[in-house]
Amino acid sequence: MHSKSSESSVVPKGPGSCQEKAFTDHYQVLKDIGHGAFRKVILARHLCTGAEVAVKILPKRLWRSLTCPEKLAMKTLNHLNVIHLFQVIETHRYVYLVMEHGGRGSLFDLIPPGGM
């Protein structure tokens, strides 16, 4: 099976954003698992390895507004207690942050009432 994954092959299919070919060439969407501070978060499966990942989908304008040090920190941070960023897929309209799936629900559910 031959599939081409390039920005020119991206075909947005409505506001669902996770239907863009650059993303679906590599991942199968399993379900919505929540909403982050910026956008929705989905559970997906990598087609080659079968690994389940969490994917945060950001409109490109929000990704551009993140500062360079913040982007660099997200890409290079490597700590046992921090979710790893595996891949960034950029298309014309969206940025897909493919991250390790923690599997224990939303971080916001773990914060006690009144904050930390």
C-alpha atoms as a PDB file:
ATOM      1  CA  MET A   1       0.000   0.000   0.000  1.00  0.00           C
ATOM      2  CA  HIS A   2       1.498   3.305  -1.078  1.00  0.00           C
ATOM      3  CA  SER A   3       0.434   6.476   0.674  1.00  0.00           C
ATOM      4  CA  LYS A   4       1.728   9.953   0.126  1.00  0.00           C
ATOM      5  CA  SER A   5       1.911  12.189   3.162  1.00  0.00           C
ATOM      6  CA  SER A   6       2.627  15.776   2.357  1.00  0.00           C
ATOM      7  CA  GLU A   7       1.054  19.081   3.086  1.00  0.00           C
ATOM      8  CA  SER A   8      -0.170  19.319  -0.499  1.00  0.00           C
ATOM      9  CA  SER A   9      -2.180  16.120  -0.007  1.00  0.00           C
ATOM     10  CA  VAL A  10      -4.071  17.454   3.006  1.00  0.00           C
ATOM     11  CA  VAL A  11      -7.806  17.560   2.469  1.00  0.00           C
ATOM     12  CA  PRO A  12      -9.639  19.069   5.461  1.00  0.00           C
ATOM     13  CA  LYS A  13     -13.049  17.497   6.001  1.00  0.00           C
ATOM     14  CA  GLY A  14     -14.861  20.019   8.123  1.00  0.00           C
ATOM     15  CA  PRO A  15     -14.223  21.066  11.699  1.00  0.00           C
ATOM     16  CA  GLY A  16     -13.322  17.493  12.705  1.00  0.00           C
ATOM     17  CA  SER A  17      -9.684  18.390  11.878  1.00  0.00           C
ATOM     18  CA  CYS A  18      -8.473  14.854  12.708  1.00  0.00           C
ATOM     19  CA  GLN A  19      -9.575  13.730   9.232  1.00  0.00           C
ATOM     20  CA  GLU A  20      -6.679  15.420   7.432  1.00  0.00           C
ATOM     21  CA  LYS A  21      -4.738  12.997   5.253  1.00  0.00           C
ATOM     22  CA  ALA A  22      -1.335  14.002   6.678  1.00  0.00           C
ATOM     23  CA  PHE A  23      -2.613  12.704  10.029  1.00  0.00           C
ATOM     24  CA  THR A  24      -4.737   9.733   8.946  1.00  0.00           C
ATOM     25  CA  ASP A  25      -1.875   8.349   6.811  1.00  0.00           C
ATOM     26  CA  HIS A  26      -0.123   7.514  10.095  1.00  0.00           C
ATOM     27  CA  TYR A  27      -2.793   7.297  12.811  1.00  0.00           C
ATOM     28  CA  GLN A  28      -6.248   5.791  13.332  1.00  0.00           C
ATOM     29  CA  VAL A  29      -8.544   7.941  15.475  1.00  0.00           C
ATOM     30  CA  LEU A  30     -10.054   5.866  18.291  1.00  0.00           C
ATOM     31  CA  LYS A  31     -12.058   8.410  20.313  1.00  0.00           C
ATOM     32  CA  ASP A  32     -12.164  11.866  21.880  1.00  0.00           C
ATOM     33  CA  ILE A  33     -10.599  11.831  25.335  1.00  0.00           C
ATOM     34  CA  GLY A  34     -10.988  15.445  26.386  1.00  0.00           C
ATOM     35  CA  HIS A  35     -10.214  19.044  25.790  1.00  0.00           C
ATOM     36  CA  GLY A  36      -6.965  20.748  26.636  1.00  0.00           C
ATOM     37  CA  ALA A  37      -6.429  24.413  27.299  1.00  0.00           C
ATOM     38  CA  PHE A  38      -6.340  25.101  23.558  1.00  0.00           C
ATOM     39  CA  ARG A  39      -8.235  22.400  21.699  1.00  0.00           C
ATOM     40  CA  LYS A  40      -9.537  18.854  21.745  1.00  0.00           C
ATOM     41  CA  VAL A  41      -7.459  15.812  22.614  1.00  0.00           C
ATOM     42  CA  ILE A  42      -8.032  12.467  20.912  1.00  0.00           C
ATOM     43  CA  LEU A  43      -6.836   8.921  21.462  1.00  0.00           C
ATOM     44  CA  ALA A  44      -5.261   7.477  18.330  1.00  0.00           C
ATOM     45  CA  ARG A  45      -3.345   4.376  17.290  1.00  0.00           C
ATOM     46  CA  HIS A  46      -0.120   4.556  15.289  1.00  0.00           C
ATOM     47  CA  LEU A  47      -0.734   2.411  12.208  1.00  0.00           C
ATOM     48  CA  CYS A  48       2.781   0.902  12.020  1.00  0.00           C
ATOM     49  CA  THR A  49       3.433   0.110  15.687  1.00  0.00           C
ATOM     50  CA  GLY A  50      -0.077  -0.160  17.134  1.00  0.00           C
ATOM     51  CA  ALA A  51       0.925   2.169  19.984  1.00  0.00           C
ATOM     52  CA  GLU A  52      -1.867   4.267  21.488  1.00  0.00           C
ATOM     53  CA  VAL A  53      -1.089   7.970  21.682  1.00  0.00           C
ATOM     54  CA  ALA A  54      -2.819  11.132  22.826  1.00  0.00           C
ATOM     55  CA  VAL A  55      -3.042  13.795  20.140  1.00  0.00           C
ATOM     56  CA  LYS A  56      -3.707  17.454  20.897  1.00  0.00           C
ATOM     57  CA  ILE A  57      -5.038  19.284  17.838  1.00  0.00           C
ATOM     58  CA  LEU A  58      -4.288  23.005  17.679  1.00  0.00           C
ATOM     59  CA  PRO A  59      -5.330  25.537  15.070  1.00  0.00           C
ATOM     60  CA  LYS A  60      -2.123  26.696  13.367  1.00  0.00           C
ATOM     61  CA  ARG A  61      -2.632  30.280  14.600  1.00  0.00           C
ATOM     62  CA  LEU A  62      -2.373  29.088  18.230  1.00  0.00           C
ATOM     63  CA  TRP A  63       0.789  27.102  17.496  1.00  0.00           C
ATOM     64  CA  ARG A  64       2.387  30.180  15.958  1.00  0.00           C
ATOM     65  CA  SER A  65       1.539  32.195  19.075  1.00  0.00           C
ATOM     66  CA  LEU A  66       3.510  29.843  21.369  1.00  0.00           C
ATOM     67  CA  THR A  67       6.951  31.266  22.074  1.00  0.00           C
ATOM     68  CA  CYS A  68      10.051  29.601  20.623  1.00  0.00           C
ATOM     69  CA  PRO A  69      11.431  28.577  24.063  1.00  0.00           C
ATOM     70  CA  GLU A  70       8.112  26.880  24.874  1.00  0.00           C
ATOM     71  CA  LYS A  71       8.159  24.920  21.588  1.00  0.00           C
ATOM     72  CA  LEU A  72      11.782  23.902  22.160  1.00  0.00           C
ATOM     73  CA  ALA A  73      11.021  22.779  25.726  1.00  0.00           C
ATOM     74  CA  MET A  74       8.108  20.643  24.508  1.00  0.00           C
ATOM     75  CA  LYS A  75      10.306  18.955  21.897  1.00  0.00           C
ATOM     76  CA  THR A  76      13.394  18.363  24.066  1.00  0.00           C
ATOM     77  CA  LEU A  77      12.068  17.704  27.583  1.00  0.00           C
ATOM     78  CA  ASN A  78      12.779  14.130  28.624  1.00  0.00           C
ATOM     79  CA  HIS A  79      11.788  13.151  32.169  1.00  0.00           C
ATOM     80  CA  LEU A  80      10.204  10.020  33.606  1.00  0.00           C
ATOM     81  CA  ASN A  81       7.310  11.987  35.151  1.00  0.00           C
ATOM     82  CA  VAL A  82       6.543  14.151  32.119  1.00  0.00           C
ATOM     83  CA  ILE A  83       4.442  13.131  29.119  1.00  0.00           C
ATOM     84  CA  HIS A  84       6.697  12.812  26.070  1.00  0.00           C
ATOM     85  CA  LEU A  85       6.031  14.627  22.820  1.00  0.00           C
ATOM     86  CA  PHE A  86       6.674  12.049  20.080  1.00  0.00           C
ATOM     87  CA  GLN A  87       5.847  13.923  16.906  1.00  0.00           C
ATOM     88  CA  VAL A  88       4.555  17.215  15.539  1.00  0.00           C
ATOM     89  CA  ILE A  89       2.546  17.080  12.316  1.00  0.00           C
ATOM     90  CA  GLU A  90       1.897  20.479  10.758  1.00  0.00           C
ATOM     91  CA  THR A  91      -0.669  20.992   8.011  1.00  0.00           C
ATOM     92  CA  HIS A  92      -2.018  24.102   6.385  1.00  0.00           C
ATOM     93  CA  ARG A  93      -4.694  24.574   9.085  1.00  0.00           C
ATOM     94  CA  TYR A  94      -3.714  22.465  12.103  1.00  0.00           C
ATOM     95  CA  VAL A  95      -0.815  21.245  14.224  1.00  0.00           C
ATOM     96  CA  TYR A  96      -1.063  17.742  15.706  1.00  0.00           C
ATOM     97  CA  LEU A  97       0.965  17.192  18.881  1.00  0.00           C
ATOM     98  CA  VAL A  98       1.390  13.420  19.150  1.00  0.00           C
ATOM     99  CA  MET A  99       2.156  12.584  22.775  1.00  0.00           C
ATOM    100  CA  GLU A 100       2.528   9.643  25.091  1.00  0.00           C
ATOM    101  CA  HIS A 101      -0.868   8.505  26.388  1.00  0.00           C
ATOM    102  CA  GLY A 102      -0.826   8.531  30.189  1.00  0.00           C
ATOM    103  CA  GLY A 103      -3.996   6.480  30.456  1.00  0.00           C
ATOM    104  CA  ARG A 104      -5.164   7.870  33.810  1.00  0.00           C
ATOM    105  CA  GLY A 105      -7.622  10.469  32.586  1.00  0.00           C
ATOM    106  CA  SER A 106      -7.399  14.225  32.468  1.00  0.00           C
ATOM    107  CA  LEU A 107      -4.763  16.034  34.479  1.00  0.00           C
ATOM    108  CA  PHE A 108      -7.500  18.416  35.638  1.00  0.00           C
ATOM    109  CA  ASP A 109      -9.305  15.484  37.306  1.00  0.00           C
ATOM    110  CA  LEU A 110      -6.229  14.872  39.478  1.00  0.00           C
ATOM    111  CA  ILE A 111      -6.019  18.427  40.826  1.00  0.00           C
ATOM    112  CA  PRO A 112      -7.775  18.734  44.199  1.00  0.00           C
ATOM    113  CA  PRO A 113     -10.567  21.320  44.640  1.00  0.00           C
ATOM    114  CA  GLY A 114      -9.022  24.703  45.382  1.00  0.00           C
ATOM    115  CA  GLY A 115      -5.832  23.931  43.441  1.00  0.00           C
ATOM    116  CA  MET A 116      -2.444  22.593  44.359  1.00  0.00           C
END
